[in-house]
Amino acid sequence: MANKDFDGIVETSDEWIVQRTGIRQRHIAADDETTASLGEAAARAALDSAGLTPADIDLIVLATSTPNNTFPATAVEIQQRLGMRHGFAFDMQAVCSGFVYAITTADLHIRGGLARRVLVIGSETFSRILDWNDRSTCVLFGDGAGALVLEAAEGGGTTADRGIIAASLRSDGSHRDKLFVDGGPSTTGTVGHLRMEGREVFKHAVGMITDVVIETFAKAGITAGDIDWFVPHQANKRIIDGSARKLGIPDEKVVATVHLHGNTSAASVPLALSVAVADGRIKKNDLVLLEAMGGGFTWGAVLVRW
């Protein structure tokens, strides 16, 4: 759905959207597509890329804020779609930070010996919770899914190890009214619509993102100059640029796909990763920094050796 496709829906323009967000298009799920079906497709693509089958997976962690049902977890439906009758699966709800939270949680399950291989998915159908009369939000979000596989491996305990090296996660519920959905089973008994105070989110975003990234660098004993790629949450080009500038990361190391996908919440980081891996930018042994911030507020960063 290109920016021009909003003509006749809300009063906006391609110039206005691009100038303020960097978004040029977003994808909208078809009527017969769901968070589960998108997640399944991403999962199968990740398994094919890894040369694995569902039989090789012990755990599925799905990051989503738009599940197919209140329960059971949509991860369990994806497990069924993949033909898995073994292992375990659950959803992770941290809104746009969901994939960062999920990949960190998967890492802990591997380190704890509960799983050897974990399929981590970010899948969203945010178009289903948008108020299409609210031009301040409906132009920002899209649907999509991305996935990767984590596998246990012996390492030396240094930044040269492949896999997850360091992570930092944060949340602060005092900001919940700045980005939320005005419905839910326990409150209104409805799905509700996304509501956002855009200026307030923007005001906090760069500072929160950079603080948690700096904390992650400190844990790993590195600096911004050591990373090969910065893959941020794809919400707003100005936030991406401001964060990179504050961290001292040059533009040529930043993976930005917000113009292609819009904000796909928990799917945005794996979608950006997918693009950068497919076009050859991210290669084996590259040091990659992931970060995201979402409603709650939740935010976090993960340092990965690809």
C-alpha atoms as a PDB file:
ATOM      1  CA  MET A   1       0.000   0.000   0.000  1.00  0.00           C
ATOM      2  CA  ALA A   2       1.782   3.121  -1.254  1.00  0.00           C
ATOM      3  CA  ASN A   3       1.369   6.524   0.370  1.00  0.00           C
ATOM      4  CA  LYS A   4      -0.781   7.692  -2.557  1.00  0.00           C
ATOM      5  CA  ASP A   5      -3.240   4.902  -1.755  1.00  0.00           C
ATOM      6  CA  PHE A   6      -4.408   6.898   1.265  1.00  0.00           C
ATOM      7  CA  ASP A   7      -6.118   9.346  -1.082  1.00  0.00           C
ATOM      8  CA  GLY A   8      -9.793   9.244  -0.217  1.00  0.00           C
ATOM      9  CA  ILE A   9      -9.156   7.479   3.119  1.00  0.00           C
ATOM     10  CA  VAL A  10      -7.584  10.233   5.234  1.00  0.00           C
ATOM     11  CA  GLU A  11      -6.308  13.735   4.503  1.00  0.00           C
ATOM     12  CA  THR A  12      -2.573  13.285   4.012  1.00  0.00           C
ATOM     13  CA  SER A  13       0.029  13.233   1.249  1.00  0.00           C
ATOM     14  CA  ASP A  14       3.062  11.284   0.120  1.00  0.00           C
ATOM     15  CA  GLU A  15       5.256  14.323   0.825  1.00  0.00           C
ATOM     16  CA  TRP A  16       3.917  14.693   4.387  1.00  0.00           C
ATOM     17  CA  ILE A  17       4.422  11.007   5.239  1.00  0.00           C
ATOM     18  CA  VAL A  18       7.905  10.754   3.716  1.00  0.00           C
ATOM     19  CA  GLN A  19       9.123  13.988   5.302  1.00  0.00           C
ATOM     20  CA  ARG A  20       8.030  13.024   8.809  1.00  0.00           C
ATOM     21  CA  THR A  21       8.628   9.259   8.799  1.00  0.00           C
ATOM     22  CA  GLY A  22      10.582   8.124   5.734  1.00  0.00           C
ATOM     23  CA  ILE A  23       7.812   5.626   4.929  1.00  0.00           C
ATOM     24  CA  ARG A  24       6.932   5.240   1.243  1.00  0.00           C
ATOM     25  CA  GLN A  25       4.872   2.053   1.373  1.00  0.00           C
ATOM     26  CA  ARG A  26       3.673  -0.703   3.680  1.00  0.00           C
ATOM     27  CA  HIS A  27       2.150  -4.156   3.152  1.00  0.00           C
ATOM     28  CA  ILE A  28      -1.381  -5.082   4.246  1.00  0.00           C
ATOM     29  CA  ALA A  29      -2.333  -8.709   4.916  1.00  0.00           C
ATOM     30  CA  ALA A  30      -4.996 -10.175   2.648  1.00  0.00           C
ATOM     31  CA  ASP A  31      -8.333 -11.213   4.125  1.00  0.00           C
ATOM     32  CA  ASP A  32      -7.244 -14.850   4.219  1.00  0.00           C
ATOM     33  CA  GLU A  33      -3.877 -14.079   5.865  1.00  0.00           C
ATOM     34  CA  THR A  34      -3.274 -13.946   9.620  1.00  0.00           C
ATOM     35  CA  THR A  35      -0.418 -13.488  12.037  1.00  0.00           C
ATOM     36  CA  ALA A  36      -0.125 -17.291  12.130  1.00  0.00           C
ATOM     37  CA  SER A  37       0.004 -17.729   8.358  1.00  0.00           C
ATOM     38  CA  LEU A  38       2.561 -14.939   7.953  1.00  0.00           C
ATOM     39  CA  GLY A  39       4.596 -16.400  10.818  1.00  0.00           C
ATOM     40  CA  GLU A  40       4.484 -19.844   9.260  1.00  0.00           C
ATOM     41  CA  ALA A  41       5.773 -18.519   5.938  1.00  0.00           C
ATOM     42  CA  ALA A  42       8.632 -16.676   7.659  1.00  0.00           C
ATOM     43  CA  ALA A  43       9.419 -19.757   9.744  1.00  0.00           C
ATOM     44  CA  ARG A  44       9.641 -22.004   6.694  1.00  0.00           C
ATOM     45  CA  ALA A  45      11.895 -19.488   4.934  1.00  0.00           C
ATOM     46  CA  ALA A  46      14.215 -19.358   7.965  1.00  0.00           C
ATOM     47  CA  LEU A  47      14.327 -23.150   8.227  1.00  0.00           C
ATOM     48  CA  ASP A  48      15.139 -23.439   4.512  1.00  0.00           C
ATOM     49  CA  SER A  49      17.891 -20.845   4.887  1.00  0.00           C
ATOM     50  CA  ALA A  50      19.342 -22.773   7.845  1.00  0.00           C
ATOM     51  CA  GLY A  51      19.073 -26.124   6.069  1.00  0.00           C
ATOM     52  CA  LEU A  52      16.808 -27.442   8.822  1.00  0.00           C
ATOM     53  CA  THR A  53      13.315 -28.919   9.151  1.00  0.00           C
ATOM     54  CA  PRO A  54      10.674 -28.487  11.862  1.00  0.00           C
ATOM     55  CA  ALA A  55      11.893 -31.791  13.350  1.00  0.00           C
ATOM     56  CA  ASP A  56      15.146 -30.011  14.275  1.00  0.00           C
ATOM     57  CA  ILE A  57      13.421 -27.332  16.377  1.00  0.00           C
ATOM     58  CA  ASP A  58      12.873 -27.648  20.133  1.00  0.00           C
ATOM     59  CA  LEU A  59      11.171 -24.329  20.844  1.00  0.00           C
ATOM     60  CA  ILE A  60       9.201 -21.654  18.988  1.00  0.00           C
ATOM     61  CA  VAL A  61       9.086 -18.136  20.425  1.00  0.00           C
ATOM     62  CA  LEU A  62       6.703 -15.829  18.582  1.00  0.00           C
ATOM     63  CA  ALA A  63       6.874 -12.086  19.165  1.00  0.00           C
ATOM     64  CA  THR A  64       3.500 -10.515  18.393  1.00  0.00           C
ATOM     65  CA  SER A  65       0.943  -8.007  19.659  1.00  0.00           C
ATOM     66  CA  THR A  66      -1.672  -9.155  17.150  1.00  0.00           C
ATOM     67  CA  PRO A  67      -2.295 -12.831  17.948  1.00  0.00           C
ATOM     68  CA  ASN A  68      -4.836 -14.895  16.056  1.00  0.00           C
ATOM     69  CA  ASN A  69      -6.790 -15.493  19.276  1.00  0.00           C
ATOM     70  CA  THR A  70      -6.688 -14.333  22.871  1.00  0.00           C
ATOM     71  CA  PHE A  71      -5.591 -17.910  23.520  1.00  0.00           C
ATOM     72  CA  PRO A  72      -4.071 -20.325  22.757  1.00  0.00           C
ATOM     73  CA  ALA A  73      -0.754 -18.733  21.862  1.00  0.00           C
ATOM     74  CA  THR A  74      -0.360 -18.141  18.141  1.00  0.00           C
ATOM     75  CA  ALA A  75       3.060 -19.820  18.437  1.00  0.00           C
ATOM     76  CA  VAL A  76       1.223 -23.072  19.153  1.00  0.00           C
ATOM     77  CA  GLU A  77      -0.822 -22.635  15.970  1.00  0.00           C
ATOM     78  CA  ILE A  78       2.379 -22.089  13.994  1.00  0.00           C
ATOM     79  CA  GLN A  79       3.800 -25.208  15.659  1.00  0.00           C
ATOM     80  CA  GLN A  80       0.764 -27.137  14.392  1.00  0.00           C
ATOM     81  CA  ARG A  81       1.053 -25.619  10.914  1.00  0.00           C
ATOM     82  CA  LEU A  82       4.665 -26.788  10.754  1.00  0.00           C
ATOM     83  CA  GLY A  83       3.607 -30.315  11.692  1.00  0.00           C
ATOM     84  CA  MET A  84       5.446 -30.262  15.018  1.00  0.00           C
ATOM     85  CA  ARG A  85       4.114 -32.523  17.773  1.00  0.00           C
ATOM     86  CA  HIS A  86       7.227 -32.156  19.943  1.00  0.00           C
ATOM     87  CA  GLY A  87       8.936 -29.340  21.819  1.00  0.00           C
ATOM     88  CA  PHE A  88       7.126 -26.272  23.132  1.00  0.00           C
ATOM     89  CA  ALA A  89       5.983 -22.874  21.908  1.00  0.00           C
ATOM     90  CA  PHE A  90       4.804 -19.598  23.376  1.00  0.00           C
ATOM     91  CA  ASP A  91       4.110 -15.960  22.481  1.00  0.00           C
ATOM     92  CA  MET A  92       6.155 -12.963  23.634  1.00  0.00           C
ATOM     93  CA  GLN A  93       4.293  -9.666  24.004  1.00  0.00           C
ATOM     94  CA  ALA A  94       6.498  -6.575  24.165  1.00  0.00           C
ATOM     95  CA  VAL A  95       4.985  -4.719  21.196  1.00  0.00           C
ATOM     96  CA  CYS A  96       7.688  -3.299  18.884  1.00  0.00           C
ATOM     97  CA  SER A  97      10.439  -4.587  21.188  1.00  0.00           C
ATOM     98  CA  GLY A  98       8.982  -8.080  20.942  1.00  0.00           C
ATOM     99  CA  PHE A  99      11.627  -9.597  18.663  1.00  0.00           C
ATOM    100  CA  VAL A 100      14.486  -8.218  20.789  1.00  0.00           C
ATOM    101  CA  TYR A 101      12.807  -9.636  23.905  1.00  0.00           C
ATOM    102  CA  ALA A 102      12.110 -12.942  22.107  1.00  0.00           C
ATOM    103  CA  ILE A 103      15.633 -13.510  20.810  1.00  0.00           C
ATOM    104  CA  THR A 104      17.012 -12.761  24.278  1.00  0.00           C
ATOM    105  CA  THR A 105      14.529 -15.171  25.870  1.00  0.00           C
ATOM    106  CA  ALA A 106      15.428 -17.860  23.323  1.00  0.00           C
ATOM    107  CA  ASP A 107      19.120 -17.385  24.147  1.00  0.00           C
ATOM    108  CA  LEU A 108      18.416 -17.945  27.856  1.00  0.00           C
ATOM    109  CA  HIS A 109      16.485 -21.146  27.108  1.00  0.00           C
ATOM    110  CA  ILE A 110      19.455 -22.429  25.122  1.00  0.00           C
ATOM    111  CA  ARG A 111      21.957 -21.450  27.809  1.00  0.00           C
ATOM    112  CA  GLY A 112      19.722 -23.092  30.409  1.00  0.00           C
ATOM    113  CA  GLY A 113      19.668 -26.363  28.503  1.00  0.00           C
ATOM    114  CA  LEU A 114      15.925 -26.366  27.802  1.00  0.00           C
ATOM    115  CA  ALA A 115      16.376 -26.160  24.023  1.00  0.00           C
ATOM    116  CA  ARG A 116      19.129 -26.706  21.485  1.00  0.00           C
ATOM    117  CA  ARG A 117      17.515 -25.027  18.485  1.00  0.00           C
ATOM    118  CA  VAL A 118      14.955 -22.231  18.729  1.00  0.00           C
ATOM    119  CA  LEU A 119      12.829 -20.733  15.981  1.00  0.00           C
ATOM    120  CA  VAL A 120      12.316 -17.048  16.797  1.00  0.00           C
ATOM    121  CA  ILE A 121       9.563 -15.297  14.841  1.00  0.00           C
ATOM    122  CA  GLY A 122       8.209 -11.758  14.709  1.00  0.00           C
ATOM    123  CA  SER A 123       4.794 -11.620  13.036  1.00  0.00           C
ATOM    124  CA  GLU A 124       2.172  -8.876  13.027  1.00  0.00           C
ATOM    125  CA  THR A 125      -1.091  -7.862  11.376  1.00  0.00           C
ATOM    126  CA  PHE A 126      -1.293  -4.335  12.765  1.00  0.00           C
ATOM    127  CA  SER A 127      -3.713  -3.337  10.001  1.00  0.00           C
ATOM    128  CA  ARG A 128      -6.388  -5.168  12.034  1.00  0.00           C
ATOM    129  CA  ILE A 129      -6.019  -2.824  15.038  1.00  0.00           C
ATOM    130  CA  LEU A 130      -5.641   0.485  13.208  1.00  0.00           C
ATOM    131  CA  ASP A 131      -8.243   3.253  13.201  1.00  0.00           C
ATOM    132  CA  TRP A 132      -8.298   4.024   9.481  1.00  0.00           C
ATOM    133  CA  ASN A 133      -9.804   7.438  10.230  1.00  0.00           C
ATOM    134  CA  ASP A 134      -6.811   8.454  12.368  1.00  0.00           C
ATOM    135  CA  ARG A 135      -4.224   9.842   9.983  1.00  0.00           C
ATOM    136  CA  SER A 136      -1.639  10.174  12.767  1.00  0.00           C
ATOM    137  CA  THR A 137      -1.408   6.379  13.125  1.00  0.00           C
ATOM    138  CA  CYS A 138      -2.875   4.552  10.122  1.00  0.00           C
ATOM    139  CA  VAL A 139      -0.140   5.751   7.751  1.00  0.00           C
ATOM    140  CA  LEU A 140       2.649   4.446  10.001  1.00  0.00           C
ATOM    141  CA  PHE A 141       2.027   0.733  10.352  1.00  0.00           C
ATOM    142  CA  GLY A 142       2.045  -2.348   8.153  1.00  0.00           C
ATOM    143  CA  ASP A 143       1.874  -6.136   8.313  1.00  0.00           C
ATOM    144  CA  GLY A 144       4.662  -8.662   7.946  1.00  0.00           C
ATOM    145  CA  ALA A 145       6.757 -11.418   9.484  1.00  0.00           C
ATOM    146  CA  GLY A 146      10.390 -12.455   9.796  1.00  0.00           C
ATOM    147  CA  ALA A 147      12.201 -15.286  11.539  1.00  0.00           C
ATOM    148  CA  LEU A 148      15.579 -16.763  12.388  1.00  0.00           C
ATOM    149  CA  VAL A 149      16.969 -19.894  14.025  1.00  0.00           C
ATOM    150  CA  LEU A 150      19.265 -19.899  17.053  1.00  0.00           C
ATOM    151  CA  GLU A 151      21.395 -22.972  17.707  1.00  0.00           C
ATOM    152  CA  ALA A 152      23.507 -23.960  20.694  1.00  0.00           C
ATOM    153  CA  ALA A 153      27.272 -24.002  20.070  1.00  0.00           C
ATOM    154  CA  GLU A 154      30.420 -24.055  22.163  1.00  0.00           C
ATOM    155  CA  GLY A 155      32.253 -20.744  22.372  1.00  0.00           C
ATOM    156  CA  GLY A 156      35.142 -19.140  24.141  1.00  0.00           C
ATOM    157  CA  GLY A 157      33.062 -16.609  26.042  1.00  0.00           C
ATOM    158  CA  THR A 158      34.401 -13.666  24.026  1.00  0.00           C
ATOM    159  CA  THR A 159      32.974 -11.252  21.463  1.00  0.00           C
ATOM    160  CA  ALA A 160      34.490 -13.484  18.781  1.00  0.00           C
ATOM    161  CA  ASP A 161      31.812 -16.129  19.510  1.00  0.00           C
ATOM    162  CA  ARG A 162      28.971 -16.431  17.029  1.00  0.00           C
ATOM    163  CA  GLY A 163      25.475 -15.897  18.380  1.00  0.00           C
ATOM    164  CA  ILE A 164      24.169 -13.570  21.053  1.00  0.00           C
ATOM    165  CA  ILE A 165      26.969 -11.803  22.914  1.00  0.00           C
ATOM    166  CA  ALA A 166      25.192  -9.270  25.126  1.00  0.00           C
ATOM    167  CA  ALA A 167      21.751  -7.774  25.650  1.00  0.00           C
ATOM    168  CA  SER A 168      19.932  -5.189  27.718  1.00  0.00           C
ATOM    169  CA  LEU A 169      16.158  -4.961  28.187  1.00  0.00           C
ATOM    170  CA  ARG A 170      14.090  -2.248  29.845  1.00  0.00           C
ATOM    171  CA  SER A 171      10.481  -1.207  30.408  1.00  0.00           C
ATOM    172  CA  ASP A 172       8.686   1.662  32.108  1.00  0.00           C
ATOM    173  CA  GLY A 173       4.917   1.371  32.548  1.00  0.00           C
ATOM    174  CA  SER A 174       4.528   5.037  33.436  1.00  0.00           C
ATOM    175  CA  HIS A 175       4.524   5.720  29.691  1.00  0.00           C
ATOM    176  CA  ARG A 176       1.732   3.261  28.808  1.00  0.00           C
ATOM    177  CA  ASP A 177      -0.738   5.991  27.771  1.00  0.00           C
ATOM    178  CA  LYS A 178       1.641   7.315  25.115  1.00  0.00           C
ATOM    179  CA  LEU A 179       1.297   4.220  22.914  1.00  0.00           C
ATOM    180  CA  PHE A 180      -1.438   1.667  23.575  1.00  0.00           C
ATOM    181  CA  VAL A 181      -4.513  -0.137  22.258  1.00  0.00           C
ATOM    182  CA  ASP A 182      -7.800   1.061  23.772  1.00  0.00           C
ATOM    183  CA  GLY A 183      -9.317  -2.385  24.214  1.00  0.00           C
ATOM    184  CA  GLY A 184      -8.748  -5.867  25.577  1.00  0.00           C
ATOM    185  CA  PRO A 185     -10.497  -8.948  27.025  1.00  0.00           C
ATOM    186  CA  SER A 186     -10.265  -7.803  30.651  1.00  0.00           C
ATOM    187  CA  THR A 187     -11.268  -4.175  30.092  1.00  0.00           C
ATOM    188  CA  THR A 188     -13.600  -3.579  27.169  1.00  0.00           C
ATOM    189  CA  GLY A 189     -14.097  -7.087  25.828  1.00  0.00           C
ATOM    190  CA  THR A 190     -13.095  -5.756  22.405  1.00  0.00           C
ATOM    191  CA  VAL A 191      -9.927  -5.750  20.334  1.00  0.00           C
ATOM    192  CA  GLY A 192      -9.647  -1.958  20.349  1.00  0.00           C
ATOM    193  CA  HIS A 193      -7.574   0.384  18.192  1.00  0.00           C
ATOM    194  CA  LEU A 194      -4.027   1.630  18.400  1.00  0.00           C
ATOM    195  CA  ARG A 195      -3.621   5.079  19.972  1.00  0.00           C
ATOM    196  CA  MET A 196      -0.407   7.068  20.047  1.00  0.00           C
ATOM    197  CA  GLU A 197       0.948  10.407  21.216  1.00  0.00           C
ATOM    198  CA  GLY A 198       3.468  10.679  18.416  1.00  0.00           C
ATOM    199  CA  ARG A 199       5.417  13.671  19.718  1.00  0.00           C
ATOM    200  CA  GLU A 200       5.793  12.098  23.154  1.00  0.00           C
ATOM    201  CA  VAL A 201       7.048   8.810  21.690  1.00  0.00           C
ATOM    202  CA  PHE A 202       9.530  10.674  19.484  1.00  0.00           C
ATOM    203  CA  LYS A 203      10.714  12.769  22.421  1.00  0.00           C
ATOM    204  CA  HIS A 204      11.694   9.712  24.456  1.00  0.00           C
ATOM    205  CA  ALA A 205      12.806   7.365  21.693  1.00  0.00           C
ATOM    206  CA  VAL A 206      16.349   8.466  20.858  1.00  0.00           C
ATOM    207  CA  GLY A 207      17.438   8.837  24.489  1.00  0.00           C
ATOM    208  CA  MET A 208      16.020   5.490  25.591  1.00  0.00           C
ATOM    209  CA  ILE A 209      17.442   3.659  22.586  1.00  0.00           C
ATOM    210  CA  THR A 210      20.940   5.080  22.935  1.00  0.00           C
ATOM    211  CA  ASP A 211      21.059   4.452  26.698  1.00  0.00           C
ATOM    212  CA  VAL A 212      20.292   0.737  26.340  1.00  0.00           C
ATOM    213  CA  VAL A 213      22.707   0.394  23.405  1.00  0.00           C
ATOM    214  CA  ILE A 214      25.521   1.986  25.402  1.00  0.00           C
ATOM    215  CA  GLU A 215      24.736  -0.400  28.274  1.00  0.00           C
ATOM    216  CA  THR A 216      24.960  -3.353  25.868  1.00  0.00           C
ATOM    217  CA  PHE A 217      28.291  -2.108  24.508  1.00  0.00           C
ATOM    218  CA  ALA A 218      29.608  -1.865  28.070  1.00  0.00           C
ATOM    219  CA  LYS A 219      28.553  -5.436  28.833  1.00  0.00           C
ATOM    220  CA  ALA A 220      30.383  -6.661  25.727  1.00  0.00           C
ATOM    221  CA  GLY A 221      33.410  -4.448  26.259  1.00  0.00           C
ATOM    222  CA  ILE A 222      33.152  -2.815  22.834  1.00  0.00           C
ATOM    223  CA  THR A 223      32.358   0.566  21.309  1.00  0.00           C
ATOM    224  CA  ALA A 224      30.183   1.688  18.412  1.00  0.00           C
ATOM    225  CA  GLY A 225      33.237   1.573  16.171  1.00  0.00           C
ATOM    226  CA  ASP A 226      33.487  -2.190  16.604  1.00  0.00           C
ATOM    227  CA  ILE A 227      30.124  -3.089  15.088  1.00  0.00           C
ATOM    228  CA  ASP A 228      29.651  -3.902  11.417  1.00  0.00           C
ATOM    229  CA  TRP A 229      25.912  -3.242  11.184  1.00  0.00           C
ATOM    230  CA  PHE A 230      23.213  -1.408  13.116  1.00  0.00           C
ATOM    231  CA  VAL A 231      19.730  -2.894  12.579  1.00  0.00           C
ATOM    232  CA  PRO A 232      17.225  -0.728  14.470  1.00  0.00           C
ATOM    233  CA  HIS A 233      13.474  -1.010  14.837  1.00  0.00           C
ATOM    234  CA  GLN A 234      11.951   0.424  11.676  1.00  0.00           C
ATOM    235  CA  ALA A 235       9.441   2.953  12.974  1.00  0.00           C
ATOM    236  CA  ASN A 236      10.618   6.359  11.826  1.00  0.00           C
ATOM    237  CA  LYS A 237      13.621   7.377   9.717  1.00  0.00           C
ATOM    238  CA  ARG A 238      14.236  10.440  11.892  1.00  0.00           C
ATOM    239  CA  ILE A 239      14.465   8.273  15.022  1.00  0.00           C
ATOM    240  CA  ILE A 240      16.818   5.858  13.234  1.00  0.00           C
ATOM    241  CA  ASP A 241      19.046   8.711  12.023  1.00  0.00           C
ATOM    242  CA  GLY A 242      19.004  10.475  15.393  1.00  0.00           C
ATOM    243  CA  SER A 243      19.937   7.310  17.280  1.00  0.00           C
ATOM    244  CA  ALA A 244      22.773   6.441  14.899  1.00  0.00           C
ATOM    245  CA  ARG A 245      24.119   9.987  15.049  1.00  0.00           C
ATOM    246  CA  LYS A 246      24.039  10.074  18.862  1.00  0.00           C
ATOM    247  CA  LEU A 247      25.809   6.689  19.029  1.00  0.00           C
ATOM    248  CA  GLY A 248      28.429   7.701  16.474  1.00  0.00           C
ATOM    249  CA  ILE A 249      27.398   5.030  13.955  1.00  0.00           C
ATOM    250  CA  PRO A 250      27.931   6.142  10.325  1.00  0.00           C
ATOM    251  CA  ASP A 251      25.059   6.004   7.843  1.00  0.00           C
ATOM    252  CA  GLU A 252      26.764   3.295   5.777  1.00  0.00           C
ATOM    253  CA  LYS A 253      26.488   0.878   8.718  1.00  0.00           C
ATOM    254  CA  VAL A 254      22.759   1.479   9.292  1.00  0.00           C
ATOM    255  CA  VAL A 255      20.183  -0.931   7.836  1.00  0.00           C
ATOM    256  CA  ALA A 256      17.025   1.074   7.118  1.00  0.00           C
ATOM    257  CA  THR A 257      13.983  -0.558   5.513  1.00  0.00           C
ATOM    258  CA  VAL A 258      11.237   1.637   6.962  1.00  0.00           C
ATOM    259  CA  HIS A 259      10.573   3.045   3.482  1.00  0.00           C
ATOM    260  CA  LEU A 260       9.667  -0.466   2.296  1.00  0.00           C
ATOM    261  CA  HIS A 261       7.659  -1.856   5.220  1.00  0.00           C
ATOM    262  CA  GLY A 262       6.555   0.960   7.483  1.00  0.00           C
ATOM    263  CA  ASN A 263       6.385   0.054  11.162  1.00  0.00           C
ATOM    264  CA  THR A 264       5.641  -3.678  11.419  1.00  0.00           C
ATOM    265  CA  SER A 265       6.169  -3.750  15.201  1.00  0.00           C
ATOM    266  CA  ALA A 266       7.785  -7.054  16.291  1.00  0.00           C
ATOM    267  CA  ALA A 267       8.359  -8.017  12.643  1.00  0.00           C
ATOM    268  CA  SER A 268      10.424  -4.951  11.775  1.00  0.00           C
ATOM    269  CA  VAL A 269      13.839  -6.080  13.051  1.00  0.00           C
ATOM    270  CA  PRO A 270      13.730  -9.560  11.456  1.00  0.00           C
ATOM    271  CA  LEU A 271      12.413  -8.060   8.201  1.00  0.00           C
ATOM    272  CA  ALA A 272      15.309  -5.584   8.134  1.00  0.00           C
ATOM    273  CA  LEU A 273      17.720  -8.423   8.914  1.00  0.00           C
ATOM    274  CA  SER A 274      16.245 -10.478   6.094  1.00  0.00           C
ATOM    275  CA  VAL A 275      16.762  -7.673   3.579  1.00  0.00           C
ATOM    276  CA  ALA A 276      20.363  -7.037   4.654  1.00  0.00           C
ATOM    277  CA  VAL A 277      21.268 -10.733   4.642  1.00  0.00           C
ATOM    278  CA  ALA A 278      19.629 -11.306   1.256  1.00  0.00           C
ATOM    279  CA  ASP A 279      21.438  -8.397  -0.414  1.00  0.00           C
ATOM    280  CA  GLY A 280      24.799  -9.509   0.977  1.00  0.00           C
ATOM    281  CA  ARG A 281      25.443  -6.712   3.442  1.00  0.00           C
ATOM    282  CA  ILE A 282      25.310  -8.870   6.579  1.00  0.00           C
ATOM    283  CA  LYS A 283      27.735 -11.774   6.287  1.00  0.00           C
ATOM    284  CA  LYS A 284      28.988 -14.569   8.518  1.00  0.00           C
ATOM    285  CA  ASN A 285      30.971 -13.298  11.531  1.00  0.00           C
ATOM    286  CA  ASP A 286      29.708  -9.713  11.189  1.00  0.00           C
ATOM    287  CA  LEU A 287      28.987  -7.988  14.493  1.00  0.00           C
ATOM    288  CA  VAL A 288      25.373  -6.794  14.371  1.00  0.00           C
ATOM    289  CA  LEU A 289      23.553  -4.528  16.808  1.00  0.00           C
ATOM    290  CA  LEU A 290      19.760  -4.892  17.053  1.00  0.00           C
ATOM    291  CA  GLU A 291      17.527  -2.490  18.965  1.00  0.00           C
ATOM    292  CA  ALA A 292      13.853  -1.687  19.359  1.00  0.00           C
ATOM    293  CA  MET A 293      11.411   0.394  21.370  1.00  0.00           C
ATOM    294  CA  GLY A 294       7.687  -0.145  21.712  1.00  0.00           C
ATOM    295  CA  GLY A 295       4.534   0.554  23.674  1.00  0.00           C
ATOM    296  CA  GLY A 296       4.732   0.194  27.408  1.00  0.00           C
ATOM    297  CA  PHE A 297       7.338   1.629  27.006  1.00  0.00           C
ATOM    298  CA  THR A 298       9.551  -1.367  26.357  1.00  0.00           C
ATOM    299  CA  TRP A 299      12.979  -1.122  24.796  1.00  0.00           C
ATOM    300  CA  GLY A 300      16.118  -3.166  24.408  1.00  0.00           C
ATOM    301  CA  ALA A 301      19.269  -3.957  22.455  1.00  0.00           C
ATOM    302  CA  VAL A 302      20.991  -7.191  21.477  1.00  0.00           C
ATOM    303  CA  LEU A 303      24.522  -7.636  20.153  1.00  0.00           C
ATOM    304  CA  VAL A 304      24.879 -10.586  17.775  1.00  0.00           C
ATOM    305  CA  ARG A 305      27.820 -12.182  15.973  1.00  0.00           C
ATOM    306  CA  TRP A 306      26.191 -13.362  12.754  1.00  0.00           C
END
